[in-house]
Amino acid sequence: MERIIKSFRDLNIWQKGIDLVKDIYKETQNFPRQEIYGLTNQIRRAAISIPSNIAEGHIRQHRAEFRQFLSVALGSLAELETQIVISRELNYISTEKSLNLIDQMGSLGKMIRGLIKKLNNP
């Protein structure tokens, strides 16, 4: 039985995106104070962009637009991964925590790519 999607809130990828944002906020709250307008802000904005683009694309209700917004979300995932690596290199986040976040991002990326593929097949 297929689940009925009435809202972007019903999308598992949106829910996973929100979980990622919460985890990102938790990890960045201990970043150095001087990074609040730098790396911390950039990381949080990239993370927020992921579920935001999923929601905006879904609400447009056109496959092509939804695919485009999902592609933007994938771009934000790549940006976020880069910023997490930089944070690890600067010792702002532990290797273990960074790898956990990167695994979470990888899983979400697979889900988004799977949905794009599904949207490509009418």
Protein backbone atom coordinates (compact mmCIF):
# COMPACT_ATOMS: atom_id res chain seq x y z
CA MET A 1 0.00 0.00 0.00
CA GLU A 2 1.48 3.32 -1.10
CA ARG A 3 1.55 6.19 1.40
CA ILE A 4 -0.39 9.29 0.36
CA ILE A 5 1.67 12.47 0.35
CA LYS A 6 -0.57 15.44 1.14
CA SER A 7 2.14 17.88 2.18
CA PHE A 8 5.91 18.23 2.04
CA ARG A 9 5.78 17.43 5.78
CA ASP A 10 4.77 13.90 4.79
CA LEU A 11 7.96 13.41 2.78
CA ASN A 12 10.52 11.24 4.55
CA ILE A 13 13.35 13.19 2.90
CA TRP A 14 11.99 16.46 4.31
CA GLN A 15 11.76 14.93 7.79
CA LYS A 16 15.34 13.61 7.51
CA GLY A 17 16.41 17.09 6.38
CA ILE A 18 14.87 18.62 9.49
CA ASP A 19 16.69 16.03 11.63
CA LEU A 20 19.95 17.00 9.94
CA VAL A 21 19.33 20.71 10.65
CA LYS A 22 18.74 19.95 14.34
CA ASP A 23 21.94 17.90 14.51
CA ILE A 24 23.90 20.64 12.74
CA TYR A 25 22.66 23.28 15.18
CA LYS A 26 23.59 21.02 18.10
CA GLU A 27 27.12 20.49 16.79
CA THR A 28 27.78 24.11 15.82
CA GLN A 29 26.68 25.64 19.11
CA ASN A 30 30.14 24.89 20.52
CA PHE A 31 32.05 26.43 17.61
CA PRO A 32 34.30 29.37 18.52
CA ARG A 33 32.43 32.62 19.11
CA GLN A 34 34.41 34.39 16.38
CA GLU A 35 32.86 31.97 13.84
CA ILE A 36 29.25 32.95 14.59
CA TYR A 37 29.09 35.14 11.45
CA GLY A 38 31.49 32.97 9.49
CA LEU A 39 31.61 29.21 9.31
CA THR A 40 28.84 28.62 11.87
CA ASN A 41 26.42 30.78 9.91
CA GLN A 42 27.43 29.23 6.57
CA ILE A 43 26.97 25.68 7.89
CA ARG A 44 23.58 26.44 9.36
CA ARG A 45 22.38 28.20 6.20
CA ALA A 46 23.47 25.27 4.01
CA ALA A 47 21.72 22.79 6.31
CA ILE A 48 18.51 24.84 6.41
CA SER A 49 18.56 25.09 2.61
CA ILE A 50 18.12 21.32 2.24
CA PRO A 51 14.63 20.78 3.72
CA SER A 52 13.62 24.28 2.59
CA ASN A 53 14.29 23.42 -1.06
CA ILE A 54 12.55 20.07 -0.70
CA ALA A 55 9.47 21.84 0.69
CA GLU A 56 9.49 24.61 -1.90
CA GLY A 57 9.94 22.19 -4.78
CA HIS A 58 7.14 19.94 -3.57
CA ILE A 59 4.68 22.79 -3.14
CA ARG A 60 5.21 23.88 -6.77
CA GLN A 61 3.47 20.65 -7.86
CA HIS A 62 5.33 20.36 -11.16
CA ARG A 63 7.78 17.50 -11.65
CA ALA A 64 10.38 19.58 -13.47
CA GLU A 65 10.39 22.28 -10.80
CA PHE A 66 10.48 19.71 -8.00
CA ARG A 67 13.48 18.02 -9.64
CA GLN A 68 15.22 21.39 -9.92
CA PHE A 69 14.69 22.16 -6.22
CA LEU A 70 15.87 18.66 -5.29
CA SER A 71 19.02 19.32 -7.32
CA VAL A 72 19.56 22.54 -5.36
CA ALA A 73 19.14 20.53 -2.13
CA LEU A 74 21.85 18.14 -3.36
CA GLY A 75 24.10 21.14 -3.99
CA SER A 76 23.49 22.33 -0.45
CA LEU A 77 24.39 18.86 0.83
CA ALA A 78 27.73 19.03 -1.00
CA GLU A 79 28.34 22.54 0.36
CA LEU A 80 27.50 21.36 3.87
CA GLU A 81 29.80 18.34 3.63
CA THR A 82 32.65 20.62 2.54
CA GLN A 83 32.02 22.92 5.48
CA ILE A 84 31.96 20.00 7.92
CA VAL A 85 35.31 18.80 6.56
CA ILE A 86 36.72 22.31 7.01
CA SER A 87 35.35 22.37 10.56
CA ARG A 88 37.05 19.07 11.30
CA GLU A 89 40.34 20.32 9.82
CA LEU A 90 40.11 23.38 12.09
CA ASN A 91 39.36 21.12 15.09
CA TYR A 92 35.95 22.72 15.65
CA ILE A 93 34.29 19.30 15.48
CA SER A 94 35.57 15.83 16.28
CA THR A 95 36.36 13.32 13.56
CA GLU A 96 33.70 10.99 14.94
CA LYS A 97 30.96 13.63 14.94
CA SER A 98 31.94 14.87 11.49
CA LEU A 99 31.85 11.34 10.08
CA ASN A 100 28.43 10.75 11.65
CA LEU A 101 27.09 13.94 10.04
CA ILE A 102 28.66 13.03 6.68
CA ASP A 103 27.05 9.57 6.86
CA GLN A 104 23.70 11.22 7.61
CA MET A 105 24.19 13.54 4.63
CA GLY A 106 25.15 10.61 2.40
CA SER A 107 21.98 8.76 3.31
CA LEU A 108 19.86 11.84 2.66
CA GLY A 109 21.63 12.41 -0.66
CA LYS A 110 20.79 8.86 -1.77
CA MET A 111 17.16 9.43 -0.87
CA ILE A 112 17.03 12.70 -2.81
CA ARG A 113 18.73 11.15 -5.86
CA GLY A 114 16.26 8.26 -5.67
CA LEU A 115 13.33 10.66 -5.70
CA ILE A 116 14.82 12.59 -8.63
CA LYS A 117 15.13 9.31 -10.52
CA LYS A 118 11.52 8.45 -9.68
CA LEU A 119 10.36 11.87 -10.88
CA ASN A 120 12.22 11.32 -14.17
CA ASN A 121 10.06 8.26 -14.86
CA PRO A 122 6.42 9.41 -15.31
